Amino acid sequence: MAGKFDLKTAKNGQYSFALKAGNGQIILQSELYKEKRAATAGIESVRKNAASDKRFERKTAKDGSFYFTLTATNGQDIGRSEMYKTEAAREKGIESVKTNAPDARFDDQTGS
């Protein structure tokens, strides 16, 4: 099963998306966007930037957990991963984004 982007409306009326792997697990979560078109542009930015390893910033949280962010060419964060217990698990998450993002289907759950 291929990955998919879920576009949703937050309680405050803003929009966000999540990239899910084929097993349904969220592998990348976006920030909140004020406009739906900005969120859909964010999805296209993930598709475009996921192919480049240099767009992934590998980070360590204060508690020692590992995570990554995906950045656009302008340096802005497009999305953030979940927390991982190991660096190896974080690398698998990055590979999953690279694999799933380019051809992930789009599921608009906003109702608008």
Protein backbone atom coordinates (compact mmCIF):
# COMPACT_ATOMS: atom_id res chain seq x y z
CA MET A 1 0.00 0.00 0.00
CA ALA A 2 1.36 3.41 -0.99
CA GLY A 3 1.66 6.39 1.29
CA LYS A 4 -0.78 9.26 1.42
CA PHE A 5 -1.08 12.87 2.46
CA ASP A 6 -4.03 13.59 4.76
CA LEU A 7 -5.11 17.25 4.68
CA LYS A 8 -7.23 18.25 7.67
CA THR A 9 -8.81 21.29 9.27
CA ALA A 10 -7.64 22.03 12.82
CA LYS A 11 -10.05 23.09 15.57
CA ASN A 12 -8.95 26.70 15.10
CA GLY A 13 -9.89 26.62 11.40
CA GLN A 14 -6.34 26.38 10.12
CA TYR A 15 -5.02 23.52 7.96
CA SER A 16 -2.36 20.88 8.40
CA PHE A 17 -1.26 17.75 6.62
CA ALA A 18 0.40 14.51 7.57
CA LEU A 19 2.32 12.14 5.36
CA LYS A 20 1.46 8.56 6.25
CA ALA A 21 3.36 5.45 5.25
CA GLY A 22 1.57 2.54 3.62
CA ASN A 23 0.90 1.05 7.08
CA GLY A 24 -0.94 4.21 8.14
CA GLN A 25 1.78 5.49 10.49
CA ILE A 26 2.44 9.24 10.38
CA ILE A 27 6.00 9.85 9.21
CA LEU A 28 5.87 13.63 8.72
CA GLN A 29 3.56 16.26 10.23
CA SER A 30 3.23 19.81 8.94
CA GLU A 31 2.86 23.09 10.74
CA LEU A 32 -0.49 24.89 10.74
CA TYR A 33 -1.39 26.97 7.69
CA LYS A 34 -3.94 29.79 7.64
CA GLU A 35 -5.06 28.98 4.09
CA LYS A 36 -5.86 25.66 2.44
CA ARG A 37 -3.90 26.56 -0.68
CA ALA A 38 -0.80 27.19 1.44
CA ALA A 39 -1.17 23.72 2.98
CA THR A 40 -1.50 22.10 -0.45
CA ALA A 41 1.58 24.04 -1.57
CA GLY A 42 3.34 22.58 1.48
CA ILE A 43 2.44 19.09 0.29
CA GLU A 44 3.94 19.83 -3.11
CA SER A 45 7.05 21.15 -1.39
CA VAL A 46 7.39 17.86 0.52
CA ARG A 47 7.05 15.92 -2.74
CA LYS A 48 9.77 18.07 -4.33
CA ASN A 49 12.23 18.25 -1.42
CA ALA A 50 11.96 14.67 -0.11
CA ALA A 51 14.28 13.41 -2.86
CA SER A 52 17.24 15.39 -1.50
CA ASP A 53 18.97 14.03 1.59
CA LYS A 54 20.42 17.47 2.32
CA ARG A 55 16.85 18.77 2.91
CA PHE A 56 16.56 16.52 6.00
CA GLU A 57 17.91 17.95 9.22
CA ARG A 58 18.68 15.28 11.80
CA LYS A 59 18.08 16.46 15.35
CA THR A 60 18.20 15.27 18.95
CA ALA A 61 15.62 16.38 21.51
CA LYS A 62 16.51 17.40 25.07
CA ASP A 63 15.35 14.01 26.34
CA GLY A 64 17.72 12.19 23.97
CA SER A 65 15.05 11.18 21.44
CA PHE A 66 15.85 11.52 17.76
CA TYR A 67 13.79 13.26 15.09
CA PHE A 68 14.13 15.07 11.80
CA THR A 69 12.73 18.05 9.97
CA LEU A 70 12.35 18.48 6.25
CA THR A 71 13.26 21.93 4.96
CA ALA A 72 12.49 23.71 1.71
CA THR A 73 15.17 25.33 -0.41
CA ASN A 74 14.40 28.65 1.32
CA GLY A 75 15.32 27.09 4.68
CA GLN A 76 11.79 26.94 6.10
CA ASP A 77 10.67 23.78 7.86
CA ILE A 78 7.99 21.95 5.88
CA GLY A 79 7.39 19.14 8.33
CA ARG A 80 8.63 17.29 11.37
CA SER A 81 8.85 13.63 12.23
CA GLU A 82 7.74 11.78 15.30
CA MET A 83 10.27 11.04 18.04
CA TYR A 84 12.44 7.94 17.63
CA LYS A 85 14.34 5.98 20.27
CA THR A 86 17.37 5.35 18.05
CA GLU A 87 19.26 7.09 15.29
CA ALA A 88 18.72 4.01 13.10
CA ALA A 89 14.95 4.31 13.52
CA ARG A 90 15.17 8.00 12.56
CA GLU A 91 17.06 7.05 9.39
CA LYS A 92 14.33 4.55 8.53
CA GLY A 93 11.80 7.36 8.97
CA ILE A 94 13.74 9.56 6.56
CA GLU A 95 13.92 6.74 4.03
CA SER A 96 10.18 6.22 4.40
CA VAL A 97 9.53 9.91 3.58
CA LYS A 98 11.83 9.67 0.56
CA THR A 99 10.00 6.55 -0.64
CA ASN A 100 6.42 7.60 0.09
CA ALA A 101 6.27 11.35 -0.58
CA PRO A 102 6.79 11.55 -4.37
CA ASP A 103 3.85 9.31 -5.31
CA ALA A 104 1.68 9.54 -2.20
CA ARG A 105 -1.98 10.01 -2.95
CA PHE A 106 -3.82 13.05 -1.63
CA ASP A 107 -6.75 12.70 0.76
CA ASP A 108 -8.54 16.02 1.34
CA GLN A 109 -10.44 15.59 4.61
CA THR A 110 -11.31 19.27 5.03
CA GLY A 111 -14.78 19.05 3.53
CA SER A 112 -14.23 22.30 1.64
